[in-house]
Amino acid sequence: MWLLFPLLLLIVVAALAVLLSRARRNTADQPRRRCVSCQGTGWVGGGPQRTLTFDGEGFTDRQERRSLCEKCGGSGVGPR
């Protein structure tokens, strides 16, 4: 009878270990969702922006300032 308790305890611990490993594997296999607005970078803008200023050869470009993405808050992860 005294051997039955440690054996039962060993079976319960092994079952819990299997369940925990499956739970970790299921959460790790899910792909990370990227934000559509910033393509996962967390920043929007930063490229050249065409202006209406004509300098004789063509319209001039100026560098647009980068800002944090408002939709994901700068995390780069889209909504679930």
Protein backbone atom coordinates (compact mmCIF):
# COMPACT_ATOMS: atom_id res chain seq x y z
CA MET A 1 0.00 0.00 0.00
CA TRP A 2 2.81 2.43 0.79
CA LEU A 3 4.31 1.85 -2.70
CA LEU A 4 1.03 2.73 -4.38
CA PHE A 5 1.05 6.39 -3.27
CA PRO A 6 4.49 7.30 -4.76
CA LEU A 7 3.58 5.46 -7.98
CA LEU A 8 0.29 7.36 -8.25
CA LEU A 9 2.09 10.64 -7.52
CA LEU A 10 4.63 9.89 -10.26
CA ILE A 11 1.84 9.26 -12.77
CA VAL A 12 0.12 12.56 -11.89
CA VAL A 13 3.38 14.52 -12.21
CA ALA A 14 4.12 12.92 -15.60
CA ALA A 15 0.61 13.74 -16.85
CA LEU A 16 0.98 17.38 -15.75
CA ALA A 17 4.35 17.64 -17.50
CA VAL A 18 2.83 16.37 -20.74
CA LEU A 19 -0.08 18.79 -20.50
CA LEU A 20 2.19 21.76 -19.82
CA SER A 21 4.50 20.94 -22.71
CA ARG A 22 1.53 20.70 -25.09
CA ALA A 23 0.16 24.02 -23.87
CA ARG A 24 3.52 25.76 -24.44
CA ARG A 25 3.89 24.24 -27.87
CA ASN A 26 0.39 25.39 -28.93
CA THR A 27 1.02 29.01 -27.92
CA ALA A 28 4.47 29.13 -29.55
CA ASP A 29 3.21 27.82 -32.92
CA GLN A 30 0.79 30.70 -33.46
CA PRO A 31 2.18 33.27 -35.91
CA ARG A 32 2.60 36.83 -34.80
CA ARG A 33 0.10 39.19 -36.40
CA ARG A 34 1.65 42.22 -38.04
CA CYS A 35 -0.05 45.60 -38.08
CA VAL A 36 -1.28 46.47 -41.57
CA SER A 37 -0.65 50.20 -41.26
CA CYS A 38 3.05 50.00 -40.37
CA GLN A 39 3.84 46.49 -41.72
CA GLY A 40 5.04 45.44 -38.27
CA THR A 41 7.65 48.16 -37.79
CA GLY A 42 5.66 50.30 -35.35
CA TRP A 43 6.43 53.47 -37.34
CA VAL A 44 4.59 55.22 -40.16
CA GLY A 45 5.93 57.83 -42.54
CA GLY A 46 9.57 58.65 -43.03
CA GLY A 47 9.62 58.52 -46.82
CA PRO A 48 9.92 61.31 -49.33
CA GLN A 49 6.84 63.47 -49.69
CA ARG A 50 6.10 65.30 -52.94
CA THR A 51 5.45 69.01 -52.48
CA LEU A 52 3.83 71.52 -54.81
CA THR A 53 6.97 73.67 -54.86
CA PHE A 54 8.32 73.84 -58.41
CA ASP A 55 12.05 74.61 -58.64
CA GLY A 56 12.38 74.89 -62.44
CA GLU A 57 13.32 71.25 -63.05
CA GLY A 58 10.44 69.60 -61.26
CA PHE A 59 8.58 69.38 -58.03
CA THR A 60 10.71 69.12 -54.92
CA ASP A 61 10.54 66.35 -52.34
CA ARG A 62 11.00 66.72 -48.62
CA GLN A 63 11.57 64.05 -46.04
CA GLU A 64 8.43 63.20 -44.09
CA ARG A 65 8.82 62.76 -40.33
CA ARG A 66 8.32 59.32 -38.88
CA SER A 67 5.78 58.87 -36.10
CA LEU A 68 4.52 56.00 -33.98
CA CYS A 69 1.72 54.01 -35.54
CA GLU A 70 -1.58 55.00 -33.94
CA LYS A 71 -3.32 51.70 -34.69
CA CYS A 72 -0.85 49.42 -32.89
CA GLY A 73 0.69 51.96 -30.51
CA GLY A 74 4.19 51.30 -31.87
CA SER A 75 4.23 47.59 -31.04
CA GLY A 76 3.93 46.40 -34.65
CA VAL A 77 1.39 43.76 -33.65
CA GLY A 78 -2.07 44.00 -35.19
CA PRO A 79 -5.33 43.56 -33.33
CA ARG A 80 -6.55 40.03 -32.66
